[in-house]
N, C-alpha and C. Protein backbone atom coordinates (compact mmCIF):
# COMPACT_ATOMS: atom_id res chain seq x y z
N MET A 1 6.96 5.33 -3.43
CA MET A 1 6.86 4.45 -2.86
C MET A 1 8.22 3.47 -3.08
N ASP A 2 8.92 2.29 -2.70
CA ASP A 2 9.18 1.25 -3.21
C ASP A 2 8.72 0.09 -2.34
N ILE A 3 8.36 -0.55 -3.57
CA ILE A 3 8.17 -1.52 -2.51
C ILE A 3 8.14 -2.70 -4.00
N ARG A 4 8.72 -3.82 -3.10
CA ARG A 4 9.57 -4.59 -3.37
C ARG A 4 8.92 -6.25 -2.93
N ASN A 5 9.79 -6.98 -3.18
CA ASN A 5 8.92 -8.70 -3.73
C ASN A 5 9.15 -9.53 -1.72
N GLU A 6 10.36 -8.18 -1.02
CA GLU A 6 10.40 -8.97 0.09
C GLU A 6 9.85 -7.24 1.00
N GLY A 7 9.58 -7.70 2.20
CA GLY A 7 9.29 -6.35 2.65
C GLY A 7 10.67 -5.69 3.69
N ARG A 8 10.83 -4.62 3.96
CA ARG A 8 11.89 -4.45 4.70
C ARG A 8 11.80 -3.25 5.21
N ALA A 9 12.49 -3.21 6.79
CA ALA A 9 12.20 -1.75 7.26
C ALA A 9 13.44 -0.67 5.55
N TRP A 10 12.85 0.02 7.05
CA TRP A 10 13.09 1.46 5.74
C TRP A 10 14.98 2.23 6.88
N GLY A 11 15.28 2.31 6.04
CA GLY A 11 16.64 2.78 6.31
C GLY A 11 16.93 4.10 6.57
N ASP A 12 17.28 5.37 4.94
CA ASP A 12 17.51 6.79 5.58
C ASP A 12 16.12 6.83 5.27
N GLU A 13 15.06 6.53 4.65
CA GLU A 13 14.29 7.29 4.29
C GLU A 13 13.23 6.93 5.44
N PHE A 14 12.86 6.72 6.34
CA PHE A 14 12.42 6.50 7.62
C PHE A 14 10.78 7.77 7.49
N TYR A 15 12.35 9.25 7.97
CA TYR A 15 11.21 10.59 8.50
C TYR A 15 10.65 10.15 7.21
N SER A 16 11.00 10.34 5.91
CA SER A 16 10.63 10.83 4.54
C SER A 16 9.29 10.34 4.12
N ARG A 17 9.56 8.36 4.82
CA ARG A 17 7.72 7.93 4.73
C ARG A 17 6.92 8.30 6.27
N TRP A 18 7.52 8.14 8.08
CA TRP A 18 6.77 8.94 8.63
C TRP A 18 6.05 10.06 7.75
N ASP A 19 6.71 10.67 7.09
CA ASP A 19 5.77 12.59 7.52
C ASP A 19 4.78 12.24 6.51
N LEU A 20 4.28 10.67 5.68
CA LEU A 20 3.49 10.21 5.03
C LEU A 20 2.49 10.06 5.34
N ILE A 21 2.43 9.52 7.21
CA ILE A 21 1.60 9.19 7.85
C ILE A 21 0.52 9.60 7.79
N PRO A 22 -0.54 10.14 7.88
CA PRO A 22 -1.45 11.32 8.82
C PRO A 22 -1.08 11.16 10.24
N GLU A 23 -1.48 12.08 10.76
CA GLU A 23 -1.94 12.35 12.04
C GLU A 23 -2.47 11.54 13.19
N LYS A 24 -3.48 11.17 13.11
CA LYS A 24 -4.05 10.34 13.86
C LYS A 24 -5.09 9.67 12.86
N PHE A 25 -5.48 8.42 13.46
CA PHE A 25 -6.46 7.69 12.61
C PHE A 25 -7.82 7.70 12.41
N GLU A 26 -8.36 7.31 11.69
CA GLU A 26 -9.95 7.97 11.73
C GLU A 26 -10.53 7.48 10.90
N ALA A 27 -11.78 6.64 10.72
CA ALA A 27 -13.03 6.51 9.24
C ALA A 27 -13.70 6.94 9.52
N SER A 28 -14.34 7.18 8.23
CA SER A 28 -15.61 8.14 8.07
C SER A 28 -16.11 7.60 6.91
N GLY A 29 -17.06 7.51 7.09
CA GLY A 29 -17.97 6.56 6.71
C GLY A 29 -17.89 5.07 5.65
N GLY A 30 -17.85 4.15 6.14
CA GLY A 30 -17.05 2.98 6.86
C GLY A 30 -15.52 2.83 5.79
N LYS A 31 -15.29 3.65 5.87
CA LYS A 31 -13.39 4.00 5.17
C LYS A 31 -12.02 4.22 5.72
N ILE A 32 -11.51 4.20 5.45
CA ILE A 32 -10.20 4.17 6.99
C ILE A 32 -9.61 5.78 6.22
N TYR A 33 -9.44 6.49 6.76
CA TYR A 33 -8.89 7.90 6.61
C TYR A 33 -9.90 8.94 5.36
N TRP A 34 -9.99 9.61 5.75
CA TRP A 34 -11.08 10.33 4.69
C TRP A 34 -10.53 10.43 3.09
N ARG A 35 -9.38 10.91 3.27
CA ARG A 35 -8.87 10.81 2.13
C ARG A 35 -7.92 10.16 1.02
N GLU A 36 -8.73 10.37 -0.02
CA GLU A 36 -8.41 9.08 -0.66
C GLU A 36 -6.45 8.63 -1.16
N GLU A 37 -5.55 9.79 -0.75
CA GLU A 37 -4.75 10.38 -0.83
C GLU A 37 -4.13 9.38 0.46
N ASP A 38 -4.72 9.63 1.60
CA ASP A 38 -4.32 9.21 2.78
C ASP A 38 -4.51 7.69 3.44
N ARG A 39 -5.12 7.04 1.79
CA ARG A 39 -5.41 5.21 1.96
C ARG A 39 -4.30 4.42 0.89
N VAL A 40 -4.73 5.35 0.13
CA VAL A 40 -2.97 4.85 -0.80
C VAL A 40 -1.92 5.21 -0.17
N ASN A 41 -1.89 6.74 0.62
CA ASN A 41 -0.17 6.11 1.13
C ASN A 41 0.29 5.45 2.40
N VAL A 42 -1.15 5.32 2.66
CA VAL A 42 -0.50 4.49 4.28
C VAL A 42 -0.66 2.45 3.22
N LEU A 43 -0.78 2.32 2.21
CA LEU A 43 -1.04 1.13 1.81
C LEU A 43 0.10 0.23 1.35
N GLY A 44 0.70 2.06 0.42
CA GLY A 44 1.69 1.64 0.28
C GLY A 44 2.93 1.31 1.05
N LEU A 45 3.17 2.55 2.30
CA LEU A 45 3.81 1.77 3.55
C LEU A 45 3.20 0.63 4.15
N PHE A 46 2.66 0.63 4.15
CA PHE A 46 2.64 -1.32 4.51
C PHE A 46 3.23 -2.62 3.62
N LEU A 47 2.61 -2.00 2.18
CA LEU A 47 3.38 -2.98 1.08
C LEU A 47 4.90 -3.00 0.86
N GLU A 48 5.65 -1.51 1.55
CA GLU A 48 7.37 -1.83 1.40
C GLU A 48 7.35 -2.58 2.63
N GLN A 49 6.79 -2.44 3.46
CA GLN A 49 7.15 -3.57 4.54
C GLN A 49 6.68 -4.69 4.38
N VAL A 50 5.96 -4.60 4.59
CA VAL A 50 5.54 -6.20 4.14
C VAL A 50 6.30 -6.96 3.40
N GLY A 51 5.89 -6.21 1.65
CA GLY A 51 6.81 -6.63 0.54
C GLY A 51 5.33 -7.52 -0.02
N ALA A 52 6.12 -7.52 -1.87
CA ALA A 52 4.70 -7.51 -2.39
C ALA A 52 3.67 -9.21 -2.81
N ASP A 53 5.66 -10.20 -1.69
CA ASP A 53 5.02 -11.51 -2.16
C ASP A 53 4.24 -11.70 -1.37
N ARG A 54 4.24 -11.43 0.09
CA ARG A 54 3.39 -11.65 1.27
C ARG A 54 2.21 -11.25 0.87
N ALA A 55 1.40 -9.95 0.40
CA ALA A 55 0.52 -9.41 0.17
C ALA A 55 -0.30 -10.08 -1.56
N VAL A 56 0.43 -10.61 -2.42
CA VAL A 56 -1.00 -11.48 -2.57
C VAL A 56 -1.05 -12.38 -2.88
N ARG A 57 -0.65 -13.14 -1.59
CA ARG A 57 -1.20 -14.06 -1.08
C ARG A 57 -2.69 -13.86 0.23
N LEU A 58 -2.94 -11.89 0.17
CA LEU A 58 -4.00 -11.98 1.11
C LEU A 58 -5.38 -12.65 -0.33
N GLY A 59 -6.59 -12.53 0.08
CA GLY A 59 -7.19 -12.50 -1.59
C GLY A 59 -7.50 -13.17 -1.96
N ASP A 60 -8.23 -13.63 -3.26
CA ASP A 60 -8.07 -13.98 -4.08
C ASP A 60 -6.88 -14.20 -5.71
N PRO A 61 -6.54 -14.81 -5.79
CA PRO A 61 -5.43 -14.54 -6.40
C PRO A 61 -5.51 -14.32 -7.92
N GLU A 62 -6.87 -14.82 -8.63
CA GLU A 62 -7.71 -13.85 -9.76
C GLU A 62 -7.13 -12.58 -9.62
N VAL A 63 -8.46 -12.07 -8.23
CA VAL A 63 -8.19 -10.53 -8.29
C VAL A 63 -7.02 -10.24 -8.48
N TRP A 64 -5.70 -10.48 -7.66
CA TRP A 64 -5.04 -9.87 -8.16
C TRP A 64 -4.34 -10.34 -9.80
N ARG A 65 -4.31 -11.03 -10.29
CA ARG A 65 -4.15 -11.48 -11.98
C ARG A 65 -4.93 -10.60 -12.62
N ALA A 66 -6.09 -9.95 -12.45
CA ALA A 66 -6.73 -9.20 -13.24
C ALA A 66 -6.63 -7.73 -13.32
N ALA A 67 -5.93 -7.66 -11.67
CA ALA A 67 -4.94 -6.35 -11.65
C ALA A 67 -4.44 -6.11 -12.73
N VAL A 68 -3.39 -7.03 -12.35
CA VAL A 68 -2.20 -6.84 -13.41
C VAL A 68 -2.17 -7.14 -14.83
N ALA A 69 -3.03 -7.84 -15.19
CA ALA A 69 -4.37 -7.52 -16.40
C ALA A 69 -3.57 -6.41 -17.09
N LYS A 70 -4.65 -5.90 -16.63
CA LYS A 70 -4.80 -4.46 -16.40
C LYS A 70 -3.62 -3.08 -16.77
N LEU A 71 -2.87 -3.31 -16.32
CA LEU A 71 -2.39 -2.99 -16.03
C LEU A 71 -1.55 -3.14 -17.93
N GLY A 72 -1.45 -3.99 -18.69
CA GLY A 72 -0.75 -3.95 -19.69
C GLY A 72 -1.64 -2.79 -20.23
N GLN A 73 -2.76 -2.95 -20.39
CA GLN A 73 -4.90 -2.42 -21.24
C GLN A 73 -4.38 -1.37 -20.57
N GLY A 74 -3.42 -0.15 -20.34
CA GLY A 74 -3.49 0.93 -19.75
C GLY A 74 -4.25 1.20 -18.77
N GLY A 75 -4.97 0.56 -17.66
CA GLY A 75 -5.55 0.30 -16.90
C GLY A 75 -5.31 0.63 -15.37
């Protein structure tokens, strides 16, 4: 994934990204998509197009700060 601060449209990588999207939208056990890998791929694809600056405005900023702090701890 190539997640940047600002969202962007896909250029030359459009078809390689498109291939990561699961064939059908599904939900099971209260989660979207059956496999964790599918959820992570779709999240990454959305983040590429929305951008990190917009994404961190969703939810509590302290949650984002705590997640970033864990990166330095190997988490």
